[in-house]
Amino acid sequence: MNRLVNIIVNDNKIEDIQLMIFDKDGTLIDLYNYWSNMIRYRAELICKELDLDKTHEKRLMYEMGVDLDTKSLRPEGPVGVKKREVVMQAAVDYLASIGYPDIRDLCFEAFKEVDRISLLDLRQFIRPINGADNLINELFKNGCKIAIATTDTTERAKIAMNFLGFADKIDLVAGADMVNNSKPDPEMIYVILDALNIDRLNAVMIGDAATDVQIGINANLRASIAVLAGFSSADELRKLTPYVVGSIRGIIVETAR
């Protein structure tokens, strides 16, 4: 049997937990840095192929979910919130609206090329959230299972975890490509619970977006923890869960008695 831990969030104690499921972007990895760079490269490649100017490049980035004016990701996404195919469709739809129909193959190749480029210099893209390593290490040291549930692809999430030095501490990585229905549908959580043979009442979800909290609720997990590091406001998250923490550093792990 897996060892049990208690998770302390502010003045709340969530007892007898065997599994902590993390969102990736905004929870373990700096959200804006990762996706703004990925989207910028995607937009640059597409616009270069079509000989489009910087105005279209900026608008294409916006349609895919990056707002350069506010230096933030759009709360509604699609990037960071919805799976890769939806982000690509946003690019395809924008290009169609300016007179470039049937451009999906070009976008597909651009996305694939940016995947390759990003692997050449992961430091440019992946920056850990302050305190993420401590929490992962504490969970691992205390025998708690650890999983990742992300809208990114499984392979890219594994690469990121390996780069951060977390790979040997994580029991399962589940990306949007492993399921038919992504967050907040609970299918991804069910895949993780089944694979690790963990009861839902001994599992906790942690993430920075309302969809992360909601997937935990929809899967009827013991609790969903929200970290104020990404898309959603404190007021929005507190409507969904009592477990809202300003920083991942505020989450404490103790051995269950």
Protein backbone atom coordinates (compact mmCIF):
# COMPACT_ATOMS: atom_id res chain seq x y z
CA MET A 1 0.00 0.00 0.00
CA ASN A 2 1.17 3.52 -0.77
CA ARG A 3 2.11 5.72 2.15
CA LEU A 4 -0.35 8.37 3.24
CA VAL A 5 0.38 12.06 3.68
CA ASN A 6 -1.53 15.07 4.90
CA ILE A 7 -1.59 18.20 2.73
CA ILE A 8 -1.84 21.50 4.60
CA VAL A 9 -3.19 24.53 2.74
CA ASN A 10 -3.43 27.67 4.86
CA ASP A 11 -5.33 26.50 7.97
CA ASN A 12 -6.87 23.50 6.23
CA LYS A 13 -5.59 19.93 6.48
CA ILE A 14 -6.44 17.42 3.76
CA GLU A 15 -5.78 14.03 5.33
CA ASP A 16 -4.78 10.57 4.09
CA ILE A 17 -3.63 11.43 0.57
CA GLN A 18 -1.85 8.85 -1.61
CA LEU A 19 -1.69 10.80 -4.86
CA MET A 20 -1.10 14.43 -5.84
CA ILE A 21 -2.01 15.29 -9.43
CA PHE A 22 -0.37 18.42 -10.81
CA ASP A 23 -1.25 20.61 -13.72
CA LYS A 24 1.97 21.48 -15.58
CA ASP A 25 1.81 25.02 -16.99
CA GLY A 26 1.40 27.70 -14.34
CA THR A 27 1.67 25.17 -11.54
CA LEU A 28 5.12 23.66 -12.05
CA ILE A 29 6.33 25.75 -15.00
CA ASP A 30 6.14 29.50 -15.60
CA LEU A 31 3.04 29.80 -17.76
CA TYR A 32 3.63 32.95 -19.77
CA ASN A 33 7.28 32.31 -20.51
CA TYR A 34 6.60 28.83 -21.89
CA TRP A 35 3.58 29.53 -24.02
CA SER A 36 4.46 33.05 -25.20
CA ASN A 37 7.70 31.69 -26.66
CA MET A 38 6.02 28.66 -28.23
CA ILE A 39 3.27 30.78 -29.78
CA ARG A 40 5.69 33.47 -30.96
CA TYR A 41 7.78 30.93 -32.85
CA ARG A 42 4.66 29.34 -34.33
CA ALA A 43 3.33 32.70 -35.52
CA GLU A 44 6.72 33.76 -36.91
CA LEU A 45 7.08 30.59 -38.97
CA ILE A 46 3.53 30.75 -40.33
CA CYS A 47 3.82 34.44 -41.24
CA LYS A 48 7.21 33.91 -42.87
CA GLU A 49 5.77 31.16 -45.08
CA LEU A 50 2.84 33.36 -46.10
CA ASP A 51 4.83 36.62 -46.29
CA LEU A 52 2.62 38.29 -43.67
CA ASP A 53 3.77 41.33 -41.71
CA LYS A 54 4.19 41.87 -37.96
CA THR A 55 0.60 43.11 -37.59
CA HIS A 56 -0.70 39.72 -38.67
CA GLU A 57 1.92 37.96 -36.55
CA LYS A 58 0.70 39.80 -33.46
CA ARG A 59 -2.94 39.09 -34.29
CA LEU A 60 -2.19 35.44 -34.96
CA MET A 61 -0.54 35.18 -31.54
CA TYR A 62 -3.62 36.81 -29.98
CA GLU A 63 -5.97 34.35 -31.68
CA MET A 64 -3.88 31.47 -30.35
CA GLY A 65 -4.07 32.96 -26.84
CA VAL A 66 -1.14 35.34 -26.23
CA ASP A 67 -1.86 39.04 -25.63
CA LEU A 68 1.37 40.95 -26.26
CA ASP A 69 -0.15 44.26 -25.10
CA THR A 70 -0.78 42.96 -21.59
CA LYS A 71 2.06 40.41 -21.67
CA SER A 72 -0.31 37.72 -20.53
CA LEU A 73 -2.23 34.72 -21.75
CA ARG A 74 -5.89 35.23 -22.52
CA PRO A 75 -8.03 33.66 -19.76
CA GLU A 76 -10.18 31.91 -22.35
CA GLY A 77 -7.13 30.50 -24.10
CA PRO A 78 -7.04 28.57 -26.22
CA VAL A 79 -3.34 28.06 -25.45
CA GLY A 80 -2.70 26.80 -21.93
CA VAL A 81 -6.38 25.95 -21.49
CA LYS A 82 -7.34 23.77 -24.44
CA LYS A 83 -5.51 21.05 -26.29
CA ARG A 84 -3.08 21.54 -29.16
CA GLU A 85 -5.62 20.87 -31.91
CA VAL A 86 -7.84 23.70 -30.68
CA VAL A 87 -4.90 26.13 -30.64
CA MET A 88 -4.01 25.11 -34.19
CA GLN A 89 -7.60 25.54 -35.30
CA ALA A 90 -7.57 29.10 -33.95
CA ALA A 91 -4.60 29.83 -36.24
CA VAL A 92 -6.31 28.13 -39.19
CA ASP A 93 -9.52 30.11 -38.62
CA TYR A 94 -7.69 33.44 -38.45
CA LEU A 95 -5.74 32.75 -41.64
CA ALA A 96 -8.95 31.74 -43.40
CA SER A 97 -10.53 35.04 -42.31
CA ILE A 98 -7.78 37.03 -44.08
CA GLY A 99 -7.92 35.06 -47.30
CA TYR A 100 -5.81 31.95 -46.69
CA PRO A 101 -8.15 28.92 -46.67
CA ASP A 102 -7.03 25.31 -46.50
CA ILE A 103 -3.84 26.16 -44.61
CA ARG A 104 -3.98 23.42 -41.98
CA ASP A 105 -1.02 21.48 -43.35
CA LEU A 106 1.19 24.57 -43.19
CA CYS A 107 0.14 25.18 -39.58
CA PHE A 108 0.73 21.54 -38.68
CA GLU A 109 4.27 21.68 -40.04
CA ALA A 110 4.96 24.98 -38.27
CA PHE A 111 3.81 23.54 -34.94
CA LYS A 112 5.98 20.47 -35.49
CA GLU A 113 9.01 22.60 -36.37
CA VAL A 114 8.59 24.71 -33.22
CA ASP A 115 8.50 21.50 -31.19
CA ARG A 116 11.89 20.67 -32.68
CA ILE A 117 13.28 24.19 -32.10
CA SER A 118 12.17 24.24 -28.48
CA LEU A 119 14.05 21.03 -27.74
CA LEU A 120 17.31 22.65 -28.83
CA ASP A 121 17.17 25.22 -26.01
CA LEU A 122 14.77 24.17 -23.27
CA ARG A 123 16.14 26.85 -20.93
CA GLN A 124 14.50 29.50 -23.10
CA PHE A 125 11.10 27.90 -22.68
CA ILE A 126 11.01 26.11 -19.33
CA ARG A 127 11.35 27.99 -16.06
CA PRO A 128 10.21 26.26 -12.87
CA ILE A 129 7.74 27.90 -10.52
CA ASN A 130 9.54 28.91 -7.34
CA GLY A 131 8.93 26.21 -4.74
CA ALA A 132 7.84 23.50 -7.18
CA ASP A 133 10.97 21.43 -6.61
CA ASN A 134 10.56 21.54 -2.84
CA LEU A 135 6.95 20.35 -3.00
CA ILE A 136 7.75 17.54 -5.44
CA ASN A 137 10.68 16.43 -3.27
CA GLU A 138 8.61 16.47 -0.08
CA LEU A 139 5.85 14.41 -1.64
CA PHE A 140 8.36 11.92 -3.01
CA LYS A 141 10.27 11.69 0.25
CA ASN A 142 7.05 10.95 2.12
CA GLY A 143 6.00 8.22 -0.32
CA CYS A 144 3.12 10.07 -1.98
CA LYS A 145 2.44 9.20 -5.62
CA ILE A 146 2.79 12.06 -8.11
CA ALA A 147 1.10 12.49 -11.50
CA ILE A 148 0.81 15.19 -14.15
CA ALA A 149 -2.45 16.06 -15.94
CA THR A 150 -1.85 18.59 -18.72
CA THR A 151 -3.41 19.98 -21.90
CA ASP A 152 0.05 19.70 -23.48
CA THR A 153 1.07 16.48 -25.23
CA THR A 154 2.27 13.63 -23.05
CA GLU A 155 5.70 13.52 -24.71
CA ARG A 156 6.35 17.25 -24.33
CA ALA A 157 5.25 17.12 -20.69
CA LYS A 158 7.65 14.23 -20.06
CA ILE A 159 10.48 16.19 -21.67
CA ALA A 160 9.72 19.18 -19.45
CA MET A 161 9.65 17.05 -16.30
CA ASN A 162 12.94 15.46 -17.25
CA PHE A 163 14.51 18.87 -17.87
CA LEU A 164 13.41 20.04 -14.42
CA GLY A 165 14.81 16.91 -12.79
CA PHE A 166 11.37 15.65 -11.70
CA ALA A 167 11.05 12.64 -14.01
CA ASP A 168 12.27 10.00 -11.55
CA LYS A 169 9.82 11.25 -8.91
CA ILE A 170 6.71 11.27 -11.10
CA ASP A 171 4.68 8.08 -11.43
CA LEU A 172 2.58 9.03 -14.45
CA VAL A 173 2.28 11.84 -17.01
CA ALA A 174 -1.06 12.19 -18.81
CA GLY A 175 -1.42 14.64 -21.69
CA ALA A 176 -4.43 15.66 -23.71
CA ASP A 177 -3.41 13.19 -26.43
CA MET A 178 -4.16 10.29 -24.05
CA VAL A 179 -7.87 11.10 -23.82
CA ASN A 180 -10.82 11.97 -26.01
CA ASN A 181 -11.98 14.74 -23.71
CA SER A 182 -9.56 17.20 -22.11
CA LYS A 183 -10.00 19.40 -19.02
CA PRO A 184 -12.34 19.99 -17.30
CA ASP A 185 -13.75 16.62 -18.35
CA PRO A 186 -12.57 14.08 -15.73
CA GLU A 187 -11.39 11.46 -18.27
CA MET A 188 -7.72 12.36 -17.75
CA ILE A 189 -8.07 11.91 -13.99
CA TYR A 190 -9.76 8.55 -14.44
CA VAL A 191 -6.86 7.38 -16.61
CA ILE A 192 -4.40 8.35 -13.85
CA LEU A 193 -6.41 6.79 -11.01
CA ASP A 194 -6.86 3.53 -12.90
CA ALA A 195 -3.21 3.29 -13.92
CA LEU A 196 -1.93 3.92 -10.38
CA ASN A 197 -4.74 2.02 -8.64
CA ILE A 198 -5.62 4.94 -6.36
CA ASP A 199 -9.06 5.62 -4.92
CA ARG A 200 -10.43 9.05 -5.85
CA LEU A 201 -10.88 9.93 -2.16
CA ASN A 202 -7.14 9.55 -1.62
CA ALA A 203 -6.21 11.89 -4.46
CA VAL A 204 -5.85 15.66 -4.77
CA MET A 205 -5.66 17.86 -7.86
CA ILE A 206 -3.56 21.04 -7.88
CA GLY A 207 -3.53 23.70 -10.58
CA ASP A 208 -3.61 27.40 -11.38
CA ALA A 209 -6.72 27.57 -13.59
CA ALA A 210 -10.43 27.09 -12.98
CA THR A 211 -10.35 24.13 -15.37
CA ASP A 212 -7.75 22.43 -13.14
CA VAL A 213 -9.94 22.85 -10.09
CA GLN A 214 -13.01 21.79 -12.00
CA ILE A 215 -11.47 18.57 -13.32
CA GLY A 216 -10.78 17.53 -9.73
CA ILE A 217 -14.34 18.35 -8.75
CA ASN A 218 -15.77 16.52 -11.76
CA ALA A 219 -13.71 13.45 -10.87
CA ASN A 220 -14.95 13.64 -7.26
CA LEU A 221 -11.43 13.76 -5.84
CA ARG A 222 -10.83 14.37 -2.15
CA ALA A 223 -9.91 18.00 -2.90
CA SER A 224 -8.82 20.46 -5.55
CA ILE A 225 -6.14 23.01 -4.64
CA ALA A 226 -5.86 26.27 -6.57
CA VAL A 227 -2.59 28.19 -6.83
CA LEU A 228 -2.72 31.88 -7.70
CA ALA A 229 -0.09 31.74 -10.43
CA GLY A 230 -1.97 31.69 -13.70
CA PHE A 231 -5.21 32.54 -15.47
CA SER A 232 -7.80 32.70 -12.74
CA SER A 233 -8.47 35.26 -10.02
CA ALA A 234 -8.71 34.46 -6.33
CA ASP A 235 -12.42 35.30 -6.30
CA GLU A 236 -13.12 33.00 -9.23
CA LEU A 237 -11.20 30.12 -7.68
CA ARG A 238 -12.72 30.53 -4.21
CA LYS A 239 -16.15 29.99 -5.76
CA LEU A 240 -14.95 26.51 -6.70
CA THR A 241 -12.74 25.41 -3.81
CA PRO A 242 -11.88 26.44 -0.24
CA TYR A 243 -8.25 25.42 -0.91
CA VAL A 244 -6.72 28.50 -2.51
CA VAL A 245 -3.08 29.37 -1.88
CA GLY A 246 -1.06 32.34 -3.08
CA SER A 247 2.02 30.32 -3.90
CA ILE A 248 2.93 26.67 -4.23
CA ARG A 249 5.44 27.37 -1.45
CA GLY A 250 2.48 27.67 0.91
CA ILE A 251 1.58 23.99 0.58
CA ILE A 252 2.96 21.80 3.38
CA VAL A 253 3.33 18.01 3.35
CA GLU A 254 3.38 15.91 6.51
CA THR A 255 3.34 12.20 7.17
CA ALA A 256 -0.11 10.97 8.13
CA ARG A 257 -0.31 9.48 11.62
